[in-house]
PDB file of all heavy atoms in Angstrom:
ATOM      1  N   THR A   1      -6.639   6.863  23.167  1.00  0.00           N
ATOM      2  CA  THR A   1      -6.530   5.409  22.949  1.00  0.00           C
ATOM      3  C   THR A   1      -7.630   5.065  21.969  1.00  0.00           C
ATOM      4  O   THR A   1      -8.809   5.007  22.335  1.00  0.00           O
ATOM      5  CB  THR A   1      -6.703   4.662  24.275  1.00  0.00           C
ATOM      6  OG1 THR A   1      -5.730   5.120  25.165  1.00  0.00           O
ATOM      7  CG2 THR A   1      -6.534   3.152  24.040  1.00  0.00           C
ATOM      8  N   PRO A   2      -7.355   4.859  20.712  1.00  0.00           N
ATOM      9  CA  PRO A   2      -8.379   4.783  19.702  1.00  0.00           C
ATOM     10  C   PRO A   2      -9.016   3.374  19.634  1.00  0.00           C
ATOM     11  O   PRO A   2      -8.423   2.393  19.990  1.00  0.00           O
ATOM     12  CB  PRO A   2      -7.632   5.078  18.405  1.00  0.00           C
ATOM     13  CG  PRO A   2      -6.239   4.551  18.683  1.00  0.00           C
ATOM     14  CD  PRO A   2      -5.995   4.757  20.142  1.00  0.00           C
ATOM     15  N   THR A   3     -10.253   3.426  19.170  1.00  0.00           N
ATOM     16  CA  THR A   3     -10.910   2.184  18.781  1.00  0.00           C
ATOM     17  C   THR A   3     -11.163   2.306  17.310  1.00  0.00           C
ATOM     18  O   THR A   3     -12.181   2.811  16.841  1.00  0.00           O
ATOM     19  CB  THR A   3     -12.223   2.012  19.524  1.00  0.00           C
ATOM     20  OG1 THR A   3     -11.990   2.058  20.928  1.00  0.00           O
ATOM     21  CG2 THR A   3     -12.869   0.648  19.198  1.00  0.00           C
ATOM     22  N   PRO A   4     -10.224   1.886  16.475  1.00  0.00           N
ATOM     23  CA  PRO A   4     -10.325   2.164  15.029  1.00  0.00           C
ATOM     24  C   PRO A   4     -11.324   1.261  14.347  1.00  0.00           C
ATOM     25  O   PRO A   4     -11.479   0.088  14.690  1.00  0.00           O
ATOM     26  CB  PRO A   4      -8.916   1.907  14.540  1.00  0.00           C
ATOM     27  CG  PRO A   4      -8.376   0.897  15.510  1.00  0.00           C
ATOM     28  CD  PRO A   4      -8.986   1.222  16.814  1.00  0.00           C
ATOM     29  N   THR A   5     -12.026   1.843  13.398  1.00  0.00           N
ATOM     30  CA  THR A   5     -12.844   1.044  12.510  1.00  0.00           C
ATOM     31  C   THR A   5     -12.427   1.437  11.074  1.00  0.00           C
ATOM     32  O   THR A   5     -13.111   2.175  10.412  1.00  0.00           O
ATOM     33  CB  THR A   5     -14.314   1.320  12.706  1.00  0.00           C
ATOM     34  OG1 THR A   5     -14.562   2.730  12.569  1.00  0.00           O
ATOM     35  CG2 THR A   5     -14.777   0.893  14.091  1.00  0.00           C
ATOM     36  N   PRO A   6     -11.265   0.956  10.648  1.00  0.00           N
ATOM     37  CA  PRO A   6     -10.730   1.402   9.376  1.00  0.00           C
ATOM     38  C   PRO A   6     -11.584   0.881   8.220  1.00  0.00           C
ATOM     39  O   PRO A   6     -12.069  -0.256   8.249  1.00  0.00           O
ATOM     40  CB  PRO A   6      -9.323   0.803   9.346  1.00  0.00           C
ATOM     41  CG  PRO A   6      -9.394  -0.383  10.238  1.00  0.00           C
ATOM     42  CD  PRO A   6     -10.375  -0.023  11.300  1.00  0.00           C
ATOM     43  N   SER A   7     -11.700   1.689   7.225  1.00  0.00           N
ATOM     44  CA  SER A   7     -12.309   1.236   5.991  1.00  0.00           C
ATOM     45  C   SER A   7     -11.360   1.554   4.852  1.00  0.00           C
ATOM     46  O   SER A   7     -10.592   2.515   4.947  1.00  0.00           O
ATOM     47  CB  SER A   7     -13.649   1.936   5.754  1.00  0.00           C
ATOM     48  OG  SER A   7     -13.457   3.340   5.629  1.00  0.00           O
ATOM     49  N   VAL A   8     -11.407   0.778   3.824  1.00  0.00           N
ATOM     50  CA  VAL A   8     -10.481   0.957   2.708  1.00  0.00           C
ATOM     51  C   VAL A   8     -11.118   1.758   1.607  1.00  0.00           C
ATOM     52  O   VAL A   8     -12.260   1.522   1.225  1.00  0.00           O
ATOM     53  CB  VAL A   8     -10.055  -0.424   2.160  1.00  0.00           C
ATOM     54  CG1 VAL A   8      -9.140  -0.277   0.975  1.00  0.00           C
ATOM     55  CG2 VAL A   8      -9.389  -1.224   3.257  1.00  0.00           C
ATOM     56  N   SER A   9     -10.402   2.753   1.133  1.00  0.00           N
ATOM     57  CA  SER A   9     -10.923   3.588   0.095  1.00  0.00           C
ATOM     58  C   SER A   9     -11.202   2.797  -1.163  1.00  0.00           C
ATOM     59  O   SER A   9     -10.410   2.010  -1.640  1.00  0.00           O
ATOM     60  CB  SER A   9      -9.890   4.699  -0.228  1.00  0.00           C
ATOM     61  OG  SER A   9     -10.241   5.346  -1.433  1.00  0.00           O
ATOM     62  N   PRO A  10     -12.429   2.977  -1.751  1.00  0.00           N
ATOM     63  CA  PRO A  10     -12.757   2.242  -2.973  1.00  0.00           C
ATOM     64  C   PRO A  10     -11.841   2.547  -4.108  1.00  0.00           C
ATOM     65  O   PRO A  10     -11.725   1.784  -5.042  1.00  0.00           O
ATOM     66  CB  PRO A  10     -14.197   2.713  -3.272  1.00  0.00           C
ATOM     67  CG  PRO A  10     -14.717   3.280  -1.976  1.00  0.00           C
ATOM     68  CD  PRO A  10     -13.531   3.816  -1.254  1.00  0.00           C
ATOM     69  N   SER A  11     -11.128   3.719  -4.047  1.00  0.00           N
ATOM     70  CA  SER A  11     -10.287   4.090  -5.157  1.00  0.00           C
ATOM     71  C   SER A  11      -9.060   3.203  -5.313  1.00  0.00           C
ATOM     72  O   SER A  11      -8.454   3.161  -6.381  1.00  0.00           O
ATOM     73  CB  SER A  11      -9.842   5.541  -5.004  1.00  0.00           C
ATOM     74  OG  SER A  11      -9.049   5.707  -3.841  1.00  0.00           O
ATOM     75  N   VAL A  12      -8.646   2.536  -4.217  1.00  0.00           N
ATOM     76  CA  VAL A  12      -7.498   1.652  -4.307  1.00  0.00           C
ATOM     77  C   VAL A  12      -7.880   0.208  -4.198  1.00  0.00           C
ATOM     78  O   VAL A  12      -7.226  -0.661  -4.764  1.00  0.00           O
ATOM     79  CB  VAL A  12      -6.459   2.012  -3.239  1.00  0.00           C
ATOM     80  CG1 VAL A  12      -5.797   3.341  -3.563  1.00  0.00           C
ATOM     81  CG2 VAL A  12      -7.036   2.062  -1.836  1.00  0.00           C
ATOM     82  N   SER A  13      -8.904  -0.127  -3.400  1.00  0.00           N
ATOM     83  CA  SER A  13      -9.448  -1.457  -3.286  1.00  0.00           C
ATOM     84  C   SER A  13      -8.416  -2.541  -3.164  1.00  0.00           C
ATOM     85  O   SER A  13      -8.393  -3.503  -3.926  1.00  0.00           O
ATOM     86  CB  SER A  13     -10.326  -1.749  -4.510  1.00  0.00           C
ATOM     87  OG  SER A  13     -11.351  -0.811  -4.631  1.00  0.00           O
ATOM     88  N   PRO A  14      -7.481  -2.467  -2.181  1.00  0.00           N
ATOM     89  CA  PRO A  14      -6.568  -3.582  -2.012  1.00  0.00           C
ATOM     90  C   PRO A  14      -7.244  -4.802  -1.418  1.00  0.00           C
ATOM     91  O   PRO A  14      -8.138  -4.659  -0.590  1.00  0.00           O
ATOM     92  CB  PRO A  14      -5.519  -3.014  -1.020  1.00  0.00           C
ATOM     93  CG  PRO A  14      -6.264  -1.974  -0.237  1.00  0.00           C
ATOM     94  CD  PRO A  14      -7.288  -1.397  -1.168  1.00  0.00           C
ATOM     95  N   SER A  15      -6.878  -5.973  -1.878  1.00  0.00           N
ATOM     96  CA  SER A  15      -7.450  -7.198  -1.350  1.00  0.00           C
ATOM     97  C   SER A  15      -6.360  -7.944  -0.582  1.00  0.00           C
ATOM     98  O   SER A  15      -5.277  -8.150  -1.087  1.00  0.00           O
ATOM     99  CB  SER A  15      -7.953  -8.072  -2.491  1.00  0.00           C
ATOM    100  OG  SER A  15      -8.226  -9.360  -2.002  1.00  0.00           O
ATOM    101  N   PRO A  16      -6.642  -8.362   0.657  1.00  0.00           N
ATOM    102  CA  PRO A  16      -5.639  -9.095   1.395  1.00  0.00           C
ATOM    103  C   PRO A  16      -5.248 -10.418   0.780  1.00  0.00           C
ATOM    104  O   PRO A  16      -4.270 -11.005   1.161  1.00  0.00           O
ATOM    105  CB  PRO A  16      -6.296  -9.304   2.777  1.00  0.00           C
ATOM    106  CG  PRO A  16      -7.766  -9.172   2.529  1.00  0.00           C
ATOM    107  CD  PRO A  16      -7.890  -8.205   1.407  1.00  0.00           C
ATOM    108  N   SER A  17      -6.002 -10.885  -0.176  1.00  0.00           N
ATOM    109  CA  SER A  17      -5.700 -12.168  -0.813  1.00  0.00           C
ATOM    110  C   SER A  17      -4.826 -12.028  -2.044  1.00  0.00           C
ATOM    111  O   SER A  17      -4.442 -13.013  -2.638  1.00  0.00           O
ATOM    112  CB  SER A  17      -6.994 -12.887  -1.201  1.00  0.00           C
ATOM    113  OG  SER A  17      -7.689 -12.151  -2.191  1.00  0.00           O
ATOM    114  N   VAL A  18      -4.530 -10.774  -2.392  1.00  0.00           N
ATOM    115  CA  VAL A  18      -3.723 -10.548  -3.614  1.00  0.00           C
ATOM    116  C   VAL A  18      -2.315 -10.142  -3.214  1.00  0.00           C
ATOM    117  O   VAL A  18      -2.111  -9.191  -2.455  1.00  0.00           O
ATOM    118  CB  VAL A  18      -4.372  -9.453  -4.471  1.00  0.00           C
ATOM    119  CG1 VAL A  18      -3.506  -9.182  -5.702  1.00  0.00           C
ATOM    120  CG2 VAL A  18      -5.764  -9.869  -4.887  1.00  0.00           C
ATOM    121  N   SER A  19      -1.291 -10.860  -3.679  1.00  0.00           N
ATOM    122  CA  SER A  19       0.080 -10.531  -3.354  1.00  0.00           C
ATOM    123  C   SER A  19       0.456  -9.244  -4.072  1.00  0.00           C
ATOM    124  O   SER A  19       0.053  -8.984  -5.183  1.00  0.00           O
ATOM    125  CB  SER A  19       1.027 -11.662  -3.807  1.00  0.00           C
ATOM    126  OG  SER A  19       0.713 -12.820  -3.086  1.00  0.00           O
ATOM    127  N   PRO A  20       1.307  -8.388  -3.408  1.00  0.00           N
ATOM    128  CA  PRO A  20       1.789  -7.192  -4.060  1.00  0.00           C
ATOM    129  C   PRO A  20       2.648  -7.525  -5.273  1.00  0.00           C
ATOM    130  O   PRO A  20       3.370  -8.494  -5.252  1.00  0.00           O
ATOM    131  CB  PRO A  20       2.607  -6.493  -2.988  1.00  0.00           C
ATOM    132  CG  PRO A  20       3.009  -7.577  -2.053  1.00  0.00           C
ATOM    133  CD  PRO A  20       1.912  -8.594  -2.070  1.00  0.00           C
ATOM    134  N   SER A  21       2.526  -6.728  -6.284  1.00  0.00           N
ATOM    135  CA  SER A  21       3.302  -6.992  -7.485  1.00  0.00           C
ATOM    136  C   SER A  21       4.600  -6.204  -7.477  1.00  0.00           C
ATOM    137  O   SER A  21       4.749  -5.262  -6.738  1.00  0.00           O
ATOM    138  CB  SER A  21       2.492  -6.577  -8.736  1.00  0.00           C
ATOM    139  OG  SER A  21       2.181  -5.207  -8.680  1.00  0.00           O
ATOM    140  N   VAL A  22       5.526  -6.625  -8.302  1.00  0.00           N
ATOM    141  CA  VAL A  22       6.819  -5.951  -8.425  1.00  0.00           C
ATOM    142  C   VAL A  22       6.685  -4.853  -9.462  1.00  0.00           C
ATOM    143  O   VAL A  22       6.181  -5.060 -10.528  1.00  0.00           O
ATOM    144  CB  VAL A  22       7.908  -6.958  -8.848  1.00  0.00           C
ATOM    145  CG1 VAL A  22       9.228  -6.227  -8.977  1.00  0.00           C
ATOM    146  CG2 VAL A  22       8.030  -8.067  -7.822  1.00  0.00           C
ATOM    147  N   SER A  23       7.148  -3.667  -9.073  1.00  0.00           N
ATOM    148  CA  SER A  23       7.070  -2.549 -10.008  1.00  0.00           C
ATOM    149  C   SER A  23       7.923  -2.769 -11.198  1.00  0.00           C
ATOM    150  O   SER A  23       9.097  -3.115 -11.095  1.00  0.00           O
ATOM    151  CB  SER A  23       7.523  -1.276  -9.287  1.00  0.00           C
ATOM    152  OG  SER A  23       7.708  -0.236 -10.205  1.00  0.00           O
ATOM    153  N   PRO A  24       7.395  -2.562 -12.423  1.00  0.00           N
ATOM    154  CA  PRO A  24       8.193  -2.702 -13.632  1.00  0.00           C
ATOM    155  C   PRO A  24       9.020  -1.472 -13.924  1.00  0.00           C
ATOM    156  O   PRO A  24       9.828  -1.477 -14.802  1.00  0.00           O
ATOM    157  CB  PRO A  24       7.149  -2.917 -14.704  1.00  0.00           C
ATOM    158  CG  PRO A  24       5.950  -2.163 -14.223  1.00  0.00           C
ATOM    159  CD  PRO A  24       5.981  -2.295 -12.728  1.00  0.00           C
ATOM    160  N   SER A  25       8.764  -0.383 -13.164  1.00  0.00           N
ATOM    161  CA  SER A  25       9.519   0.848 -13.417  1.00  0.00           C
ATOM    162  C   SER A  25      10.393   1.177 -12.298  1.00  0.00           C
ATOM    163  O   SER A  25      10.214   0.674 -11.174  1.00  0.00           O
ATOM    164  CB  SER A  25       8.498   2.005 -13.634  1.00  0.00           C
ATOM    165  OG  SER A  25       7.684   2.134 -12.500  1.00  0.00           O
ATOM    166  N   PRO A  26      11.432   2.020 -12.496  1.00  0.00           N
ATOM    167  CA  PRO A  26      12.349   2.324 -11.415  1.00  0.00           C
ATOM    168  C   PRO A  26      11.667   2.966 -10.231  1.00  0.00           C
ATOM    169  O   PRO A  26      10.775   3.814 -10.407  1.00  0.00           O
ATOM    170  CB  PRO A  26      13.341   3.329 -12.104  1.00  0.00           C
ATOM    171  CG  PRO A  26      13.176   3.052 -13.569  1.00  0.00           C
ATOM    172  CD  PRO A  26      11.765   2.652 -13.755  1.00  0.00           C
ATOM    173  N   SER A  27      12.044   2.547  -9.032  1.00  0.00           N
ATOM    174  CA  SER A  27      11.456   3.133  -7.834  1.00  0.00           C
ATOM    175  C   SER A  27      12.333   4.343  -7.400  1.00  0.00           C
ATOM    176  O   SER A  27      13.492   4.423  -7.766  1.00  0.00           O
ATOM    177  CB  SER A  27      11.392   2.102  -6.728  1.00  0.00           C
ATOM    178  OG  SER A  27      12.671   1.574  -6.475  1.00  0.00           O
ATOM    179  N   PRO A  28      11.762   5.263  -6.582  1.00  0.00           N
ATOM    180  CA  PRO A  28      12.540   6.405  -6.154  1.00  0.00           C
ATOM    181  C   PRO A  28      13.724   5.980  -5.328  1.00  0.00           C
ATOM    182  O   PRO A  28      13.691   4.949  -4.655  1.00  0.00           O
ATOM    183  CB  PRO A  28      11.524   7.232  -5.330  1.00  0.00           C
ATOM    184  CG  PRO A  28      10.181   6.647  -5.651  1.00  0.00           C
ATOM    185  CD  PRO A  28      10.395   5.276  -6.045  1.00  0.00           C
ATOM    186  N   GLN A  29      14.746   6.810  -5.312  1.00  0.00           N
ATOM    187  CA  GLN A  29      15.912   6.534  -4.446  1.00  0.00           C
ATOM    188  C   GLN A  29      15.457   6.677  -3.000  1.00  0.00           C
ATOM    189  O   GLN A  29      14.768   7.620  -2.638  1.00  0.00           O
ATOM    190  CB  GLN A  29      17.037   7.498  -4.771  1.00  0.00           C
ATOM    191  CG  GLN A  29      18.284   7.230  -3.929  1.00  0.00           C
ATOM    192  CD  GLN A  29      19.451   8.030  -4.456  1.00  0.00           C
ATOM    193  OE1 GLN A  29      19.531   8.315  -5.639  1.00  0.00           O
ATOM    194  NE2 GLN A  29      20.363   8.360  -3.561  1.00  0.00           N
ATOM    195  N   PRO A  30      15.877   5.744  -2.097  1.00  0.00           N
ATOM    196  CA  PRO A  30      15.511   5.866  -0.694  1.00  0.00           C
ATOM    197  C   PRO A  30      16.034   7.164  -0.091  1.00  0.00           C
ATOM    198  O   PRO A  30      16.807   7.899  -0.694  1.00  0.00           O
ATOM    199  CB  PRO A  30      16.181   4.634  -0.064  1.00  0.00           C
ATOM    200  CG  PRO A  30      16.222   3.670  -1.198  1.00  0.00           C
ATOM    201  CD  PRO A  30      16.496   4.475  -2.410  1.00  0.00           C
ATOM    202  N   ALA A  31      15.636   7.391   1.182  1.00  0.00           N
ATOM    203  CA  ALA A  31      15.782   8.729   1.770  1.00  0.00           C
ATOM    204  C   ALA A  31      17.215   9.086   2.100  1.00  0.00           C
ATOM    205  O   ALA A  31      17.507  10.249   2.237  1.00  0.00           O
ATOM    206  CB  ALA A  31      14.937   8.769   3.042  1.00  0.00           C
ATOM    207  N   ASP A  32      18.139   8.185   2.266  1.00  0.00           N
ATOM    208  CA  ASP A  32      19.481   8.558   2.611  1.00  0.00           C
ATOM    209  C   ASP A  32      20.452   7.507   2.045  1.00  0.00           C
ATOM    210  O   ASP A  32      20.032   6.443   1.577  1.00  0.00           O
ATOM    211  CB  ASP A  32      19.653   8.713   4.114  1.00  0.00           C
ATOM    212  CG  ASP A  32      19.338   7.412   4.861  1.00  0.00           C
ATOM    213  OD1 ASP A  32      20.074   6.435   4.627  1.00  0.00           O
ATOM    214  OD2 ASP A  32      18.429   7.407   5.676  1.00  0.00           O
ATOM    215  N   PRO A  33      21.744   7.765   2.098  1.00  0.00           N
ATOM    216  CA  PRO A  33      22.700   6.819   1.520  1.00  0.00           C
ATOM    217  C   PRO A  33      22.668   5.417   2.108  1.00  0.00           C
ATOM    218  O   PRO A  33      22.801   4.443   1.366  1.00  0.00           O
ATOM    219  CB  PRO A  33      24.045   7.492   1.794  1.00  0.00           C
ATOM    220  CG  PRO A  33      23.715   8.972   1.812  1.00  0.00           C
ATOM    221  CD  PRO A  33      22.381   9.059   2.476  1.00  0.00           C
TER     222      PRO A  33
END
């Protein structure tokens, strides 16, 4: 039963105040039909 203390990797630095952007390039095909 964990007590997590997550930290965010500096290499990606996501900010909860920034909305995710839409990819301008094609995304991979999902896993099944």
